[in-house]
C-alpha atoms as a PDB file:
ATOM      1  CA  SER A   1      -0.050  -0.223  -0.016  1.00  0.00           C
ATOM      2  CA  LEU A   2       1.008   3.284  -0.820  1.00  0.00           C
ATOM      3  CA  GLU A   3       1.796   5.901   2.872  1.00  0.00           C
ATOM      4  CA  THR A   4       2.698   9.778   2.548  1.00  0.00           C
ATOM      5  CA  THR A   5       4.738   9.920   4.975  1.00  0.00           C
ATOM      6  CA  ARG A   6       6.133  13.299   4.276  1.00  0.00           C
ATOM      7  CA  ASN A   7       9.777  12.379   4.415  1.00  0.00           C
ATOM      8  CA  SER A   8      12.036  13.144   0.750  1.00  0.00           C
ATOM      9  CA  ILE A   9      15.071  12.609  -0.583  1.00  0.00           C
ATOM     10  CA  SER A  10      16.960  14.001  -3.655  1.00  0.00           C
ATOM     11  CA  CYS A  11      16.457  11.987  -6.615  1.00  0.00           C
ATOM     12  CA  LEU A  12      17.632  12.187 -10.341  1.00  0.00           C
ATOM     13  CA  ASN A  13      15.081  10.654 -12.865  1.00  0.00           C
ATOM     14  CA  LEU A  14      16.717   8.710 -15.506  1.00  0.00           C
ATOM     15  CA  GLY A  15      13.273   7.550 -16.353  1.00  0.00           C
ATOM     16  CA  SER A  16      11.606  10.797 -18.100  1.00  0.00           C
ATOM     17  CA  TYR A  17      11.668  12.927 -21.352  1.00  0.00           C
ATOM     18  CA  ASN A  18      10.546  15.591 -19.833  1.00  0.00           C
ATOM     19  CA  TYR A  19       9.042  17.114 -22.084  1.00  0.00           C
ATOM     20  CA  LEU A  20       6.148  18.713 -20.704  1.00  0.00           C
ATOM     21  CA  GLY A  21       8.321  19.916 -17.688  1.00  0.00           C
ATOM     22  CA  PHE A  22       6.454  18.209 -14.926  1.00  0.00           C
ATOM     23  CA  ALA A  23       9.545  16.198 -13.318  1.00  0.00           C
ATOM     24  CA  ASP A  24      10.869  19.707 -12.265  1.00  0.00           C
ATOM     25  CA  ASP A  25       7.491  21.044 -10.960  1.00  0.00           C
ATOM     26  CA  TRP A  26       5.106  18.435 -10.711  1.00  0.00           C
ATOM     27  CA  LYS A  27       4.874  19.526  -6.843  1.00  0.00           C
ATOM     28  CA  ILE A  28       3.816  23.057  -8.055  1.00  0.00           C
ATOM     29  CA  SER A  29       1.899  22.152 -11.644  1.00  0.00           C
ATOM     30  CA  CYS A  30       0.255  19.265 -10.730  1.00  0.00           C
ATOM     31  CA  ARG A  31       0.997  17.322  -7.533  1.00  0.00           C
ATOM     32  CA  GLU A  32      -2.878  16.829  -6.988  1.00  0.00           C
ATOM     33  CA  SER A  33      -3.224  14.988 -10.297  1.00  0.00           C
ATOM     34  CA  VAL A  34       0.023  13.147  -9.573  1.00  0.00           C
ATOM     35  CA  VAL A  35      -1.002  11.691  -5.613  1.00  0.00           C
ATOM     36  CA  ASP A  36      -4.110  10.827  -7.320  1.00  0.00           C
ATOM     37  CA  ALA A  37      -2.814   8.925 -10.114  1.00  0.00           C
ATOM     38  CA  VAL A  38      -0.529   6.977  -7.731  1.00  0.00           C
ATOM     39  CA  HIS A  39      -3.554   6.073  -5.259  1.00  0.00           C
ATOM     40  CA  SER A  40      -5.709   5.372  -8.264  1.00  0.00           C
ATOM     41  CA  TRP A  41      -2.405   3.400 -10.074  1.00  0.00           C
ATOM     42  CA  PRO A  42      -0.249   2.239  -7.987  1.00  0.00           C
ATOM     43  CA  LEU A  43       2.114   0.733 -10.849  1.00  0.00           C
ATOM     44  CA  SER A  44       4.888   1.717 -13.317  1.00  0.00           C
ATOM     45  CA  MET A  45       4.736   0.262 -16.808  1.00  0.00           C
ATOM     46  CA  CYS A  46       8.293   1.031 -16.993  1.00  0.00           C
ATOM     47  CA  SER A  47       8.300  -0.354 -20.781  1.00  0.00           C
ATOM     48  CA  SER A  48       6.276  -0.690 -23.327  1.00  0.00           C
ATOM     49  CA  ARG A  49       3.201  -2.793 -24.164  1.00  0.00           C
ATOM     50  CA  ALA A  50       4.286  -5.440 -26.084  1.00  0.00           C
ATOM     51  CA  ASP A  51       6.757  -5.849 -22.709  1.00  0.00           C
ATOM     52  CA  PHE A  52       4.229  -5.307 -19.656  1.00  0.00           C
ATOM     53  CA  GLY A  53       1.023  -5.831 -22.151  1.00  0.00           C
ATOM     54  CA  THR A  54      -2.179  -3.647 -21.839  1.00  0.00           C
ATOM     55  CA  ILE A  55      -3.948  -2.336 -18.787  1.00  0.00           C
ATOM     56  CA  LYS A  56      -7.749  -0.704 -18.268  1.00  0.00           C
ATOM     57  CA  ILE A  57      -6.102   3.188 -18.146  1.00  0.00           C
ATOM     58  CA  HIS A  58      -4.317   2.511 -21.840  1.00  0.00           C
ATOM     59  CA  ASP A  59      -7.868   1.531 -23.052  1.00  0.00           C
ATOM     60  CA  GLU A  60      -9.779   4.669 -21.159  1.00  0.00           C
ATOM     61  CA  LEU A  61      -6.874   6.775 -22.684  1.00  0.00           C
ATOM     62  CA  GLU A  62      -7.562   5.798 -26.118  1.00  0.00           C
ATOM     63  CA  LYS A  63     -10.312   6.091 -25.851  1.00  0.00           C
ATOM     64  CA  VAL A  64     -10.552   9.384 -24.439  1.00  0.00           C
ATOM     65  CA  VAL A  65      -8.488  10.603 -27.212  1.00  0.00           C
ATOM     66  CA  ALA A  66     -10.031   8.920 -29.946  1.00  0.00           C
ATOM     67  CA  ASP A  67     -13.605  11.147 -28.660  1.00  0.00           C
ATOM     68  CA  PHE A  68     -11.406  14.013 -28.519  1.00  0.00           C
ATOM     69  CA  VAL A  69     -10.269  14.110 -32.233  1.00  0.00           C
ATOM     70  CA  GLY A  70     -13.291  12.841 -33.369  1.00  0.00           C
ATOM     71  CA  LYS A  71     -12.115   9.381 -34.789  1.00  0.00           C
ATOM     72  CA  GLU A  72     -13.089   6.193 -33.918  1.00  0.00           C
ATOM     73  CA  SER A  73      -9.941   4.655 -32.234  1.00  0.00           C
ATOM     74  CA  ALA A  74      -6.693   5.603 -31.081  1.00  0.00           C
ATOM     75  CA  ILE A  75      -3.240   4.135 -30.597  1.00  0.00           C
ATOM     76  CA  VAL A  76      -1.253   6.119 -27.957  1.00  0.00           C
ATOM     77  CA  TYR A  77       2.480   5.165 -27.534  1.00  0.00           C
ATOM     78  CA  THR A  78       4.050   5.796 -23.907  1.00  0.00           C
ATOM     79  CA  MET A  79       7.280   7.537 -26.335  1.00  0.00           C
ATOM     80  CA  GLY A  80       8.440   8.758 -29.604  1.00  0.00           C
ATOM     81  CA  TYR A  81      11.010   6.188 -30.203  1.00  0.00           C
ATOM     82  CA  GLY A  82       7.938   3.562 -30.237  1.00  0.00           C
ATOM     83  CA  THR A  83       6.267   5.387 -32.251  1.00  0.00           C
ATOM     84  CA  ASN A  84       8.935   6.043 -34.417  1.00  0.00           C
ATOM     85  CA  LEU A  85      10.038   2.071 -34.205  1.00  0.00           C
ATOM     86  CA  THR A  86       5.750   0.487 -35.014  1.00  0.00           C
ATOM     87  CA  THR A  87       4.255   3.132 -36.730  1.00  0.00           C
ATOM     88  CA  ILE A  88       6.170   5.633 -39.036  1.00  0.00           C
ATOM     89  CA  PRO A  89       7.026   2.073 -41.093  1.00  0.00           C
ATOM     90  CA  CYS A  90       3.867   0.885 -41.449  1.00  0.00           C
ATOM     91  CA  LEU A  91       2.280   4.669 -43.376  1.00  0.00           C
ATOM     92  CA  LEU A  92       5.572   5.030 -45.202  1.00  0.00           C
ATOM     93  CA  GLY A  93       6.924   3.390 -48.145  1.00  0.00           C
ATOM     94  CA  PRO A  94      10.526   3.814 -50.837  1.00  0.00           C
ATOM     95  CA  GLU A  95       8.824   7.284 -52.243  1.00  0.00           C
ATOM     96  CA  SER A  96       7.600   8.922 -48.916  1.00  0.00           C
ATOM     97  CA  LEU A  97       9.252  11.738 -47.894  1.00  0.00           C
ATOM     98  CA  LEU A  98       9.149  12.291 -43.845  1.00  0.00           C
ATOM     99  CA  ILE A  99       9.714  16.461 -41.831  1.00  0.00           C
ATOM    100  CA  SER A 100      10.814  15.326 -38.838  1.00  0.00           C
ATOM    101  CA  ASP A 101      11.475  18.039 -35.990  1.00  0.00           C
ATOM    102  CA  SER A 102      15.086  17.850 -34.026  1.00  0.00           C
ATOM    103  CA  LEU A 103      13.231  16.700 -30.621  1.00  0.00           C
ATOM    104  CA  ASN A 104      11.271  13.359 -32.324  1.00  0.00           C
ATOM    105  CA  HIS A 105      14.071  10.178 -31.940  1.00  0.00           C
ATOM    106  CA  LEU A 106      14.547   8.968 -35.545  1.00  0.00           C
END
């Protein structure tokens, strides 16, 4: 079970790309949401769904994304590299041109 102790230690987060900056200021920007999520989902899937499978929250997120963009379904990847490795090769052919920004991990 999860228990809040109010004790803290300094840590270096090596498992996040931190594009949105939440790893730096989550106690300010989204503390309540982070704590609620940890209480609701007290686990970490530190690898792809190909390794550890799909859980209910994956399905819920993909439904929300699909509804938001007005599509029948959606796929959400945990990292850009996963998208690049699995989806882009399926969509592009020998005559395709891919234009990508410098933050994409190609």
